[in-house]
Structures are given as C-alpha cells and as structure tokens.
PDB file of all heavy atoms in Angstrom:
ATOM      1  N   MET A   1      -2.127 155.887  37.631  1.00  0.00           N
ATOM      2  CA  MET A   1      -3.563 156.142  37.609  1.00  0.00           C
ATOM      3  C   MET A   1      -3.866 157.482  36.931  1.00  0.00           C
ATOM      4  O   MET A   1      -4.817 157.597  36.149  1.00  0.00           O
ATOM      5  CB  MET A   1      -4.112 156.127  39.039  1.00  0.00           C
ATOM      6  CG  MET A   1      -3.988 154.786  39.739  1.00  0.00           C
ATOM      7  SD  MET A   1      -4.427 154.835  41.498  1.00  0.00           S
ATOM      8  CE  MET A   1      -6.221 155.005  41.384  1.00  0.00           C
ATOM      9  N   LYS A   2      -3.049 158.464  37.219  1.00  0.00           N
ATOM     10  CA  LYS A   2      -3.221 159.782  36.594  1.00  0.00           C
ATOM     11  C   LYS A   2      -3.048 159.687  35.082  1.00  0.00           C
ATOM     12  O   LYS A   2      -3.822 160.265  34.314  1.00  0.00           O
ATOM     13  CB  LYS A   2      -2.215 160.759  37.194  1.00  0.00           C
ATOM     14  CG  LYS A   2      -2.378 162.204  36.759  1.00  0.00           C
ATOM     15  CD  LYS A   2      -1.385 163.089  37.504  1.00  0.00           C
ATOM     16  CE  LYS A   2      -1.536 164.559  37.126  1.00  0.00           C
ATOM     17  NZ  LYS A   2      -0.569 165.406  37.883  1.00  0.00           N
ATOM     18  N   ALA A   3      -2.041 158.937  34.635  1.00  0.00           N
ATOM     19  CA  ALA A   3      -1.807 158.755  33.203  1.00  0.00           C
ATOM     20  C   ALA A   3      -2.966 158.025  32.535  1.00  0.00           C
ATOM     21  O   ALA A   3      -3.248 158.230  31.337  1.00  0.00           O
ATOM     22  CB  ALA A   3      -0.508 157.987  32.985  1.00  0.00           C
ATOM     23  N   ASP A   4      -3.652 157.174  33.307  1.00  0.00           N
ATOM     24  CA  ASP A   4      -4.824 156.456  32.796  1.00  0.00           C
ATOM     25  C   ASP A   4      -6.099 157.291  32.882  1.00  0.00           C
ATOM     26  O   ASP A   4      -7.194 156.778  32.605  1.00  0.00           O
ATOM     27  CB  ASP A   4      -5.040 155.160  33.590  1.00  0.00           C
ATOM     28  CG  ASP A   4      -4.016 154.087  33.275  1.00  0.00           C
ATOM     29  OD1 ASP A   4      -3.423 154.138  32.179  1.00  0.00           O
ATOM     30  OD2 ASP A   4      -3.801 153.201  34.132  1.00  0.00           O
ATOM     31  N   CYS A   5      -5.938 158.568  33.273  1.00  0.00           N
ATOM     32  CA  CYS A   5      -7.091 159.480  33.409  1.00  0.00           C
ATOM     33  C   CYS A   5      -8.098 158.967  34.433  1.00  0.00           C
ATOM     34  O   CYS A   5      -9.323 159.104  34.255  1.00  0.00           O
ATOM     35  CB  CYS A   5      -7.763 159.722  32.062  1.00  0.00           C
ATOM     36  SG  CYS A   5      -6.693 160.481  30.837  1.00  0.00           S
ATOM     37  N   PHE A   6      -7.597 158.352  35.488  1.00  0.00           N
ATOM     38  CA  PHE A   6      -8.487 157.886  36.541  1.00  0.00           C
ATOM     39  C   PHE A   6      -9.177 159.083  37.194  1.00  0.00           C
ATOM     40  O   PHE A   6      -8.515 160.069  37.538  1.00  0.00           O
ATOM     41  CB  PHE A   6      -7.717 157.097  37.598  1.00  0.00           C
ATOM     42  CG  PHE A   6      -8.589 156.602  38.718  1.00  0.00           C
ATOM     43  CD1 PHE A   6      -9.364 155.469  38.554  1.00  0.00           C
ATOM     44  CD2 PHE A   6      -8.671 157.297  39.915  1.00  0.00           C
ATOM     45  CE1 PHE A   6     -10.197 155.017  39.569  1.00  0.00           C
ATOM     46  CE2 PHE A   6      -9.499 156.860  40.937  1.00  0.00           C
ATOM     47  CZ  PHE A   6     -10.264 155.723  40.761  1.00  0.00           C
ATOM     48  N   PRO A   7     -10.507 159.007  37.409  1.00  0.00           N
ATOM     49  CA  PRO A   7     -11.248 160.148  37.959  1.00  0.00           C
ATOM     50  C   PRO A   7     -11.134 160.229  39.489  1.00  0.00           C
ATOM     51  O   PRO A   7     -12.060 159.862  40.221  1.00  0.00           O
ATOM     52  CB  PRO A   7     -12.683 159.873  37.508  1.00  0.00           C
ATOM     53  CG  PRO A   7     -12.777 158.381  37.439  1.00  0.00           C
ATOM     54  CD  PRO A   7     -11.419 157.912  36.989  1.00  0.00           C
ATOM     55  N   PHE A   8     -10.008 160.724  39.986  1.00  0.00           N
ATOM     56  CA  PHE A   8      -9.805 160.837  41.431  1.00  0.00           C
ATOM     57  C   PHE A   8     -10.927 161.637  42.099  1.00  0.00           C
ATOM     58  O   PHE A   8     -11.269 161.384  43.250  1.00  0.00           O
ATOM     59  CB  PHE A   8      -8.460 161.512  41.715  1.00  0.00           C
ATOM     60  CG  PHE A   8      -7.262 160.694  41.351  1.00  0.00           C
ATOM     61  CD1 PHE A   8      -6.552 160.940  40.185  1.00  0.00           C
ATOM     62  CD2 PHE A   8      -6.821 159.677  42.182  1.00  0.00           C
ATOM     63  CE1 PHE A   8      -5.436 160.196  39.848  1.00  0.00           C
ATOM     64  CE2 PHE A   8      -5.696 158.929  41.868  1.00  0.00           C
ATOM     65  CZ  PHE A   8      -5.001 159.189  40.685  1.00  0.00           C
ATOM     66  N   LYS A   9     -11.482 162.586  41.375  1.00  0.00           N
ATOM     67  CA  LYS A   9     -12.514 163.465  41.956  1.00  0.00           C
ATOM     68  C   LYS A   9     -13.771 162.704  42.336  1.00  0.00           C
ATOM     69  O   LYS A   9     -14.576 163.179  43.148  1.00  0.00           O
ATOM     70  CB  LYS A   9     -12.865 164.581  40.970  1.00  0.00           C
ATOM     71  CG  LYS A   9     -13.560 164.114  39.698  1.00  0.00           C
ATOM     72  CD  LYS A   9     -13.863 165.264  38.758  1.00  0.00           C
ATOM     73  CE  LYS A   9     -14.660 164.823  37.533  1.00  0.00           C
ATOM     74  NZ  LYS A   9     -13.978 163.773  36.745  1.00  0.00           N
ATOM     75  N   ASN A  10     -13.961 161.505  41.764  1.00  0.00           N
ATOM     76  CA  ASN A  10     -15.162 160.721  42.061  1.00  0.00           C
ATOM     77  C   ASN A  10     -15.009 159.817  43.277  1.00  0.00           C
ATOM     78  O   ASN A  10     -15.965 159.164  43.693  1.00  0.00           O
ATOM     79  CB  ASN A  10     -15.541 159.854  40.850  1.00  0.00           C
ATOM     80  CG  ASN A  10     -16.017 160.678  39.673  1.00  0.00           C
ATOM     81  OD1 ASN A  10     -16.142 161.890  39.781  1.00  0.00           O
ATOM     82  ND2 ASN A  10     -16.258 160.028  38.551  1.00  0.00           N
ATOM     83  N   VAL A  11     -13.806 159.726  43.834  1.00  0.00           N
ATOM     84  CA  VAL A  11     -13.560 158.836  44.962  1.00  0.00           C
ATOM     85  C   VAL A  11     -14.083 159.486  46.238  1.00  0.00           C
ATOM     86  O   VAL A  11     -13.637 160.569  46.624  1.00  0.00           O
ATOM     87  CB  VAL A  11     -12.058 158.516  45.107  1.00  0.00           C
ATOM     88  CG1 VAL A  11     -11.837 157.594  46.303  1.00  0.00           C
ATOM     89  CG2 VAL A  11     -11.526 157.873  43.828  1.00  0.00           C
ATOM     90  N   VAL A  12     -15.032 158.840  46.881  1.00  0.00           N
ATOM     91  CA  VAL A  12     -15.599 159.389  48.111  1.00  0.00           C
ATOM     92  C   VAL A  12     -15.049 158.709  49.359  1.00  0.00           C
ATOM     93  O   VAL A  12     -15.169 159.235  50.464  1.00  0.00           O
ATOM     94  CB  VAL A  12     -17.140 159.293  48.105  1.00  0.00           C
ATOM     95  CG1 VAL A  12     -17.719 160.158  46.981  1.00  0.00           C
ATOM     96  CG2 VAL A  12     -17.621 157.848  47.973  1.00  0.00           C
ATOM     97  N   ALA A  13     -14.437 157.530  49.195  1.00  0.00           N
ATOM     98  CA  ALA A  13     -13.851 156.827  50.337  1.00  0.00           C
ATOM     99  C   ALA A  13     -12.821 155.828  49.840  1.00  0.00           C
ATOM    100  O   ALA A  13     -12.951 155.266  48.747  1.00  0.00           O
ATOM    101  CB  ALA A  13     -14.921 156.105  51.150  1.00  0.00           C
ATOM    102  N   LEU A  14     -11.796 155.623  50.641  1.00  0.00           N
ATOM    103  CA  LEU A  14     -10.781 154.631  50.299  1.00  0.00           C
ATOM    104  C   LEU A  14     -10.270 153.974  51.577  1.00  0.00           C
ATOM    105  O   LEU A  14     -10.388 154.513  52.668  1.00  0.00           O
ATOM    106  CB  LEU A  14      -9.630 155.265  49.511  1.00  0.00           C
ATOM    107  CG  LEU A  14      -8.753 156.320  50.192  1.00  0.00           C
ATOM    108  CD1 LEU A  14      -7.610 155.691  50.995  1.00  0.00           C
ATOM    109  CD2 LEU A  14      -8.170 157.279  49.152  1.00  0.00           C
ATOM    110  N   SER A  15      -9.706 152.801  51.404  1.00  0.00           N
ATOM    111  CA  SER A  15      -9.044 152.111  52.499  1.00  0.00           C
ATOM    112  C   SER A  15      -7.971 151.227  51.895  1.00  0.00           C
ATOM    113  O   SER A  15      -7.770 151.210  50.674  1.00  0.00           O
ATOM    114  CB  SER A  15     -10.030 151.296  53.343  1.00  0.00           C
ATOM    115  OG  SER A  15      -9.378 150.799  54.503  1.00  0.00           O
ATOM    116  N   GLY A  16      -7.290 150.493  52.734  1.00  0.00           N
ATOM    117  CA  GLY A  16      -6.217 149.660  52.224  1.00  0.00           C
ATOM    118  C   GLY A  16      -5.763 148.633  53.226  1.00  0.00           C
ATOM    119  O   GLY A  16      -6.255 148.550  54.356  1.00  0.00           O
ATOM    120  N   ALA A  17      -4.792 147.841  52.782  1.00  0.00           N
ATOM    121  CA  ALA A  17      -4.228 146.777  53.597  1.00  0.00           C
ATOM    122  C   ALA A  17      -2.715 146.806  53.451  1.00  0.00           C
ATOM    123  O   ALA A  17      -2.185 147.271  52.442  1.00  0.00           O
ATOM    124  CB  ALA A  17      -4.764 145.418  53.158  1.00  0.00           C
ATOM    125  N   GLY A  18      -2.048 146.279  54.454  1.00  0.00           N
ATOM    126  CA  GLY A  18      -0.599 146.117  54.382  1.00  0.00           C
ATOM    127  C   GLY A  18      -0.220 144.714  54.792  1.00  0.00           C
ATOM    128  O   GLY A  18      -0.923 144.068  55.570  1.00  0.00           O
ATOM    129  N   GLN A  19       0.894 144.234  54.248  1.00  0.00           N
ATOM    130  CA  GLN A  19       1.399 142.931  54.687  1.00  0.00           C
ATOM    131  C   GLN A  19       1.518 142.955  56.204  1.00  0.00           C
ATOM    132  O   GLN A  19       2.052 143.898  56.786  1.00  0.00           O
ATOM    133  CB  GLN A  19       2.742 142.629  54.048  1.00  0.00           C
ATOM    134  CG  GLN A  19       3.785 143.717  54.236  1.00  0.00           C
ATOM    135  CD  GLN A  19       5.174 143.277  53.811  1.00  0.00           C
ATOM    136  OE1 GLN A  19       5.752 142.371  54.416  1.00  0.00           O
ATOM    137  NE2 GLN A  19       5.704 143.902  52.783  1.00  0.00           N
ATOM    138  N   GLN A  20       0.985 141.932  56.842  1.00  0.00           N
ATOM    139  CA  GLN A  20       0.994 141.931  58.311  1.00  0.00           C
ATOM    140  C   GLN A  20       2.402 141.747  58.860  1.00  0.00           C
ATOM    141  O   GLN A  20       3.255 141.112  58.235  1.00  0.00           O
ATOM    142  CB  GLN A  20       0.067 140.844  58.839  1.00  0.00           C
ATOM    143  CG  GLN A  20      -1.397 141.181  58.630  1.00  0.00           C
ATOM    144  CD  GLN A  20      -2.329 140.440  59.560  1.00  0.00           C
ATOM    145  OE1 GLN A  20      -2.899 139.435  59.195  1.00  0.00           O
ATOM    146  NE2 GLN A  20      -2.480 140.943  60.775  1.00  0.00           N
ATOM    147  N   HIS A  21       2.621 142.354  60.023  1.00  0.00           N
ATOM    148  CA  HIS A  21       3.824 142.202  60.844  1.00  0.00           C
ATOM    149  C   HIS A  21       4.997 143.085  60.419  1.00  0.00           C
ATOM    150  O   HIS A  21       5.991 143.164  61.143  1.00  0.00           O
ATOM    151  CB  HIS A  21       4.286 140.738  60.918  1.00  0.00           C
ATOM    152  CG  HIS A  21       3.174 139.771  61.151  1.00  0.00           C
ATOM    153  ND1 HIS A  21       2.333 139.855  62.251  1.00  0.00           N
ATOM    154  CD2 HIS A  21       2.722 138.711  60.419  1.00  0.00           C
ATOM    155  CE1 HIS A  21       1.432 138.877  62.187  1.00  0.00           C
ATOM    156  NE2 HIS A  21       1.656 138.178  61.095  1.00  0.00           N
ATOM    157  N   GLY A  22       4.935 143.755  59.263  1.00  0.00           N
ATOM    158  CA  GLY A  22       5.977 144.704  58.904  1.00  0.00           C
ATOM    159  C   GLY A  22       5.840 145.979  59.728  1.00  0.00           C
ATOM    160  O   GLY A  22       4.738 146.349  60.145  1.00  0.00           O
ATOM    161  N   SER A  23       6.963 146.677  59.976  1.00  0.00           N
ATOM    162  CA  SER A  23       6.919 147.879  60.813  1.00  0.00           C
ATOM    163  C   SER A  23       7.785 148.988  60.238  1.00  0.00           C
ATOM    164  O   SER A  23       8.802 148.738  59.589  1.00  0.00           O
ATOM    165  CB  SER A  23       7.351 147.554  62.250  1.00  0.00           C
ATOM    166  OG  SER A  23       8.539 146.783  62.276  1.00  0.00           O
ATOM    167  N   VAL A  24       7.360 150.235  60.498  1.00  0.00           N
ATOM    168  CA  VAL A  24       8.013 151.438  59.984  1.00  0.00           C
ATOM    169  C   VAL A  24       8.326 152.350  61.164  1.00  0.00           C
ATOM    170  O   VAL A  24       7.492 152.524  62.067  1.00  0.00           O
ATOM    171  CB  VAL A  24       7.112 152.168  58.966  1.00  0.00           C
ATOM    172  CG1 VAL A  24       7.710 153.511  58.565  1.00  0.00           C
ATOM    173  CG2 VAL A  24       6.888 151.290  57.734  1.00  0.00           C
ATOM    174  N   TYR A  25       9.500 152.973  61.142  1.00  0.00           N
ATOM    175  CA  TYR A  25       9.981 153.769  62.267  1.00  0.00           C
ATOM    176  C   TYR A  25      10.203 155.218  61.803  1.00  0.00           C
ATOM    177  O   TYR A  25      11.160 155.521  61.099  1.00  0.00           O
ATOM    178  CB  TYR A  25      11.266 153.141  62.827  1.00  0.00           C
ATOM    179  CG  TYR A  25      11.010 151.728  63.291  1.00  0.00           C
ATOM    180  CD1 TYR A  25      10.954 150.672  62.367  1.00  0.00           C
ATOM    181  CD2 TYR A  25      10.742 151.439  64.616  1.00  0.00           C
ATOM    182  CE1 TYR A  25      10.665 149.377  62.778  1.00  0.00           C
ATOM    183  CE2 TYR A  25      10.452 150.150  65.044  1.00  0.00           C
ATOM    184  CZ  TYR A  25      10.411 149.124  64.116  1.00  0.00           C
ATOM    185  OH  TYR A  25      10.105 147.838  64.512  1.00  0.00           O
ATOM    186  N   TRP A  26       9.280 156.107  62.207  1.00  0.00           N
ATOM    187  CA  TRP A  26       9.335 157.508  61.815  1.00  0.00           C
ATOM    188  C   TRP A  26      10.286 158.269  62.756  1.00  0.00           C
ATOM    189  O   TRP A  26      10.159 158.203  63.977  1.00  0.00           O
ATOM    190  CB  TRP A  26       7.952 158.145  61.911  1.00  0.00           C
ATOM    191  CG  TRP A  26       6.908 157.583  60.996  1.00  0.00           C
ATOM    192  CD1 TRP A  26       6.056 156.551  61.262  1.00  0.00           C
ATOM    193  CD2 TRP A  26       6.580 158.042  59.685  1.00  0.00           C
ATOM    194  NE1 TRP A  26       5.203 156.344  60.198  1.00  0.00           N
ATOM    195  CE2 TRP A  26       5.506 157.243  59.215  1.00  0.00           C
ATOM    196  CE3 TRP A  26       7.080 159.061  58.858  1.00  0.00           C
ATOM    197  CZ2 TRP A  26       4.929 157.437  57.956  1.00  0.00           C
ATOM    198  CZ3 TRP A  26       6.506 159.243  57.609  1.00  0.00           C
ATOM    199  CH2 TRP A  26       5.451 158.435  57.170  1.00  0.00           C
ATOM    200  N   LYS A  27      11.182 159.019  62.168  1.00  0.00           N
ATOM    201  CA  LYS A  27      12.158 159.803  62.932  1.00  0.00           C
ATOM    202  C   LYS A  27      11.474 160.984  63.617  1.00  0.00           C
ATOM    203  O   LYS A  27      10.447 161.495  63.146  1.00  0.00           O
ATOM    204  CB  LYS A  27      13.238 160.306  61.965  1.00  0.00           C
ATOM    205  CG  LYS A  27      14.420 161.002  62.591  1.00  0.00           C
ATOM    206  CD  LYS A  27      15.365 161.542  61.526  1.00  0.00           C
ATOM    207  CE  LYS A  27      15.989 160.427  60.712  1.00  0.00           C
ATOM    208  NZ  LYS A  27      16.959 160.962  59.715  1.00  0.00           N
ATOM    209  N   LYS A  28      12.053 161.440  64.707  1.00  0.00           N
ATOM    210  CA  LYS A  28      11.536 162.630  65.372  1.00  0.00           C
ATOM    211  C   LYS A  28      11.517 163.802  64.396  1.00  0.00           C
ATOM    212  O   LYS A  28      12.494 164.048  63.692  1.00  0.00           O
ATOM    213  CB  LYS A  28      12.396 162.973  66.595  1.00  0.00           C
ATOM    214  CG  LYS A  28      12.181 162.032  67.774  1.00  0.00           C
ATOM    215  CD  LYS A  28      13.014 162.431  68.981  1.00  0.00           C
ATOM    216  CE  LYS A  28      12.720 161.511  70.168  1.00  0.00           C
ATOM    217  NZ  LYS A  28      13.560 161.849  71.351  1.00  0.00           N
ATOM    218  N   GLY A  29      10.392 164.513  64.347  1.00  0.00           N
ATOM    219  CA  GLY A  29      10.214 165.613  63.408  1.00  0.00           C
ATOM    220  C   GLY A  29       9.538 165.218  62.111  1.00  0.00           C
ATOM    221  O   GLY A  29       9.164 166.082  61.306  1.00  0.00           O
ATOM    222  N   ALA A  30       9.357 163.898  61.899  1.00  0.00           N
ATOM    223  CA  ALA A  30       8.774 163.441  60.632  1.00  0.00           C
ATOM    224  C   ALA A  30       7.317 163.873  60.485  1.00  0.00           C
ATOM    225  O   ALA A  30       6.854 164.133  59.369  1.00  0.00           O
ATOM    226  CB  ALA A  30       8.874 161.918  60.533  1.00  0.00           C
ATOM    227  N   ARG A  31       6.605 163.970  61.607  1.00  0.00           N
ATOM    228  CA  ARG A  31       5.194 164.332  61.506  1.00  0.00           C
ATOM    229  C   ARG A  31       5.018 165.722  60.889  1.00  0.00           C
ATOM    230  O   ARG A  31       4.131 165.938  60.063  1.00  0.00           O
ATOM    231  CB  ARG A  31       4.527 164.292  62.882  1.00  0.00           C
ATOM    232  CG  ARG A  31       3.027 164.524  62.817  1.00  0.00           C
ATOM    233  CD  ARG A  31       2.383 164.463  64.199  1.00  0.00           C
ATOM    234  NE  ARG A  31       0.933 164.468  64.098  1.00  0.00           N
ATOM    235  CZ  ARG A  31       0.114 164.535  65.130  1.00  0.00           C
ATOM    236  NH1 ARG A  31       0.612 164.587  66.374  1.00  0.00           N
ATOM    237  NH2 ARG A  31      -1.196 164.536  64.956  1.00  0.00           N
ATOM    238  N   ASP A  32       5.861 166.662  61.278  1.00  0.00           N
ATOM    239  CA  ASP A  32       5.777 168.011  60.708  1.00  0.00           C
ATOM    240  C   ASP A  32       6.020 167.984  59.209  1.00  0.00           C
ATOM    241  O   ASP A  32       5.355 168.699  58.446  1.00  0.00           O
ATOM    242  CB  ASP A  32       6.790 168.934  61.391  1.00  0.00           C
ATOM    243  CG  ASP A  32       6.383 169.292  62.806  1.00  0.00           C
ATOM    244  OD1 ASP A  32       5.179 169.176  63.123  1.00  0.00           O
ATOM    245  OD2 ASP A  32       7.261 169.671  63.601  1.00  0.00           O
ATOM    246  N   VAL A  33       6.974 167.179  58.782  1.00  0.00           N
ATOM    247  CA  VAL A  33       7.250 167.058  57.347  1.00  0.00           C
ATOM    248  C   VAL A  33       6.040 166.456  56.632  1.00  0.00           C
ATOM    249  O   VAL A  33       5.596 166.952  55.581  1.00  0.00           O
ATOM    250  CB  VAL A  33       8.499 166.191  57.104  1.00  0.00           C
ATOM    251  CG1 VAL A  33       8.749 166.023  55.598  1.00  0.00           C
ATOM    252  CG2 VAL A  33       9.718 166.790  57.781  1.00  0.00           C
ATOM    253  N   LEU A  34       5.491 165.384  57.210  1.00  0.00           N
ATOM    254  CA  LEU A  34       4.355 164.690  56.595  1.00  0.00           C
ATOM    255  C   LEU A  34       3.143 165.609  56.465  1.00  0.00           C
ATOM    256  O   LEU A  34       2.435 165.576  55.446  1.00  0.00           O
ATOM    257  CB  LEU A  34       4.014 163.463  57.443  1.00  0.00           C
ATOM    258  CG  LEU A  34       2.945 162.491  56.941  1.00  0.00           C
ATOM    259  CD1 LEU A  34       3.310 161.913  55.595  1.00  0.00           C
ATOM    260  CD2 LEU A  34       2.747 161.367  57.971  1.00  0.00           C
ATOM    261  N   LYS A  35       2.905 166.432  57.478  1.00  0.00           N
ATOM    262  CA  LYS A  35       1.734 167.310  57.478  1.00  0.00           C
ATOM    263  C   LYS A  35       1.896 168.520  56.557  1.00  0.00           C
ATOM    264  O   LYS A  35       0.899 169.160  56.209  1.00  0.00           O
ATOM    265  CB  LYS A  35       1.462 167.794  58.908  1.00  0.00           C
ATOM    266  CG  LYS A  35       1.010 166.700  59.857  1.00  0.00           C
ATOM    267  CD  LYS A  35       0.787 167.214  61.266  1.00  0.00           C
ATOM    268  CE  LYS A  35      -0.460 168.077  61.345  1.00  0.00           C
ATOM    269  NZ  LYS A  35      -0.774 168.422  62.761  1.00  0.00           N
ATOM    270  N   ASN A  36       3.112 168.819  56.155  1.00  0.00           N
ATOM    271  CA  ASN A  36       3.356 170.050  55.399  1.00  0.00           C
ATOM    272  C   ASN A  36       4.041 169.804  54.062  1.00  0.00           C
ATOM    273  O   ASN A  36       4.835 170.620  53.596  1.00  0.00           O
ATOM    274  CB  ASN A  36       4.199 171.014  56.238  1.00  0.00           C
ATOM    275  CG  ASN A  36       3.464 171.484  57.479  1.00  0.00           C
ATOM    276  OD1 ASN A  36       2.536 172.282  57.400  1.00  0.00           O
ATOM    277  ND2 ASN A  36       3.896 170.991  58.649  1.00  0.00           N
ATOM    278  N   CYS A  37       3.728 168.675  53.459  1.00  0.00           N
ATOM    279  CA  CYS A  37       4.320 168.371  52.155  1.00  0.00           C
ATOM    280  C   CYS A  37       3.834 169.363  51.102  1.00  0.00           C
ATOM    281  O   CYS A  37       2.649 169.717  51.052  1.00  0.00           O
ATOM    282  CB  CYS A  37       3.967 166.944  51.741  1.00  0.00           C
ATOM    283  SG  CYS A  37       4.905 165.685  52.632  1.00  0.00           S
ATOM    284  N   LYS A  38       4.766 169.799  50.246  1.00  0.00           N
ATOM    285  CA  LYS A  38       4.472 170.774  49.186  1.00  0.00           C
ATOM    286  C   LYS A  38       4.092 170.042  47.902  1.00  0.00           C
ATOM    287  O   LYS A  38       4.816 169.148  47.454  1.00  0.00           O
ATOM    288  CB  LYS A  38       5.680 171.664  48.939  1.00  0.00           C
ATOM    289  CG  LYS A  38       6.182 172.410  50.182  1.00  0.00           C
ATOM    290  CD  LYS A  38       5.149 173.414  50.684  1.00  0.00           C
ATOM    291  CE  LYS A  38       5.718 174.296  51.797  1.00  0.00           C
ATOM    292  NZ  LYS A  38       5.942 173.525  53.040  1.00  0.00           N
ATOM    293  N   PRO A  39       2.967 170.421  47.288  1.00  0.00           N
ATOM    294  CA  PRO A  39       2.486 169.682  46.115  1.00  0.00           C
ATOM    295  C   PRO A  39       3.370 169.807  44.878  1.00  0.00           C
ATOM    296  O   PRO A  39       3.219 169.026  43.935  1.00  0.00           O
ATOM    297  CB  PRO A  39       1.099 170.285  45.865  1.00  0.00           C
ATOM    298  CG  PRO A  39       1.119 171.604  46.534  1.00  0.00           C
ATOM    299  CD  PRO A  39       2.020 171.468  47.713  1.00  0.00           C
ATOM    300  N   ASP A  40       4.304 170.770  44.867  1.00  0.00           N
ATOM    301  CA  ASP A  40       5.178 170.907  43.705  1.00  0.00           C
ATOM    302  C   ASP A  40       6.415 170.019  43.811  1.00  0.00           C
ATOM    303  O   ASP A  40       7.270 170.022  42.917  1.00  0.00           O
ATOM    304  CB  ASP A  40       5.597 172.368  43.511  1.00  0.00           C
ATOM    305  CG  ASP A  40       6.342 172.923  44.722  1.00  0.00           C
ATOM    306  OD1 ASP A  40       6.163 172.374  45.822  1.00  0.00           O
ATOM    307  OD2 ASP A  40       7.091 173.905  44.555  1.00  0.00           O
ATOM    308  N   LYS A  41       6.526 169.242  44.904  1.00  0.00           N
ATOM    309  CA  LYS A  41       7.644 168.322  45.090  1.00  0.00           C
ATOM    310  C   LYS A  41       7.116 166.908  45.318  1.00  0.00           C
ATOM    311  O   LYS A  41       6.010 166.733  45.831  1.00  0.00           O
ATOM    312  CB  LYS A  41       8.503 168.748  46.287  1.00  0.00           C
ATOM    313  CG  LYS A  41       9.173 170.104  46.135  1.00  0.00           C
ATOM    314  CD  LYS A  41      10.003 170.415  47.376  1.00  0.00           C
ATOM    315  CE  LYS A  41      10.685 171.765  47.252  1.00  0.00           C
ATOM    316  NZ  LYS A  41      11.483 172.078  48.470  1.00  0.00           N
ATOM    317  N   SER A  42       7.910 165.920  44.955  1.00  0.00           N
ATOM    318  CA  SER A  42       7.463 164.540  45.131  1.00  0.00           C
ATOM    319  C   SER A  42       7.443 164.178  46.615  1.00  0.00           C
ATOM    320  O   SER A  42       8.209 164.720  47.423  1.00  0.00           O
ATOM    321  CB  SER A  42       8.384 163.572  44.386  1.00  0.00           C
ATOM    322  OG  SER A  42       9.616 163.433  45.068  1.00  0.00           O
ATOM    323  N   LEU A  43       6.573 163.268  46.950  1.00  0.00           N
ATOM    324  CA  LEU A  43       6.500 162.778  48.325  1.00  0.00           C
ATOM    325  C   LEU A  43       7.800 162.073  48.703  1.00  0.00           C
ATOM    326  O   LEU A  43       8.291 162.196  49.826  1.00  0.00           O
ATOM    327  CB  LEU A  43       5.302 161.820  48.456  1.00  0.00           C
ATOM    328  CG  LEU A  43       4.662 161.658  49.834  1.00  0.00           C
ATOM    329  CD1 LEU A  43       4.153 162.979  50.365  1.00  0.00           C
ATOM    330  CD2 LEU A  43       3.517 160.641  49.750  1.00  0.00           C
ATOM    331  N   PHE A  44       8.357 161.350  47.759  1.00  0.00           N
ATOM    332  CA  PHE A  44       9.606 160.623  48.006  1.00  0.00           C
ATOM    333  C   PHE A  44      10.718 161.588  48.422  1.00  0.00           C
ATOM    334  O   PHE A  44      11.434 161.345  49.398  1.00  0.00           O
ATOM    335  CB  PHE A  44      10.015 159.846  46.759  1.00  0.00           C
ATOM    336  CG  PHE A  44      11.305 159.106  46.905  1.00  0.00           C
ATOM    337  CD1 PHE A  44      11.347 157.870  47.533  1.00  0.00           C
ATOM    338  CD2 PHE A  44      12.495 159.634  46.416  1.00  0.00           C
ATOM    339  CE1 PHE A  44      12.544 157.177  47.677  1.00  0.00           C
ATOM    340  CE2 PHE A  44      13.691 158.954  46.555  1.00  0.00           C
ATOM    341  CZ  PHE A  44      13.712 157.725  47.195  1.00  0.00           C
TER     342      PHE A  44
END
C-alpha cells in the first residue's frame, strides 16, 4: 500500500475480519513487546 502511495493519513477508521475458529497463543511477556515496538524495526 505504501508503494502504491496509499494515503494512510486520510483513514479515519478501520476494521477487519479473520477466518473463524483459528486461534493464536501469545507467550507471557508478549504484551510488553507488542506495546513497545520500535518503528525502525519490522514488526515481524
């Protein structure tokens, strides 16, 4: 989207969907990592 010059600044609201019934298991301590991600590094 960034390469397509999508205007992220114009987005005032978003939502989404996920395939039903799939589940994800966050390890202890993951919340701190998620809340403090550094923008100079990839999320992955």
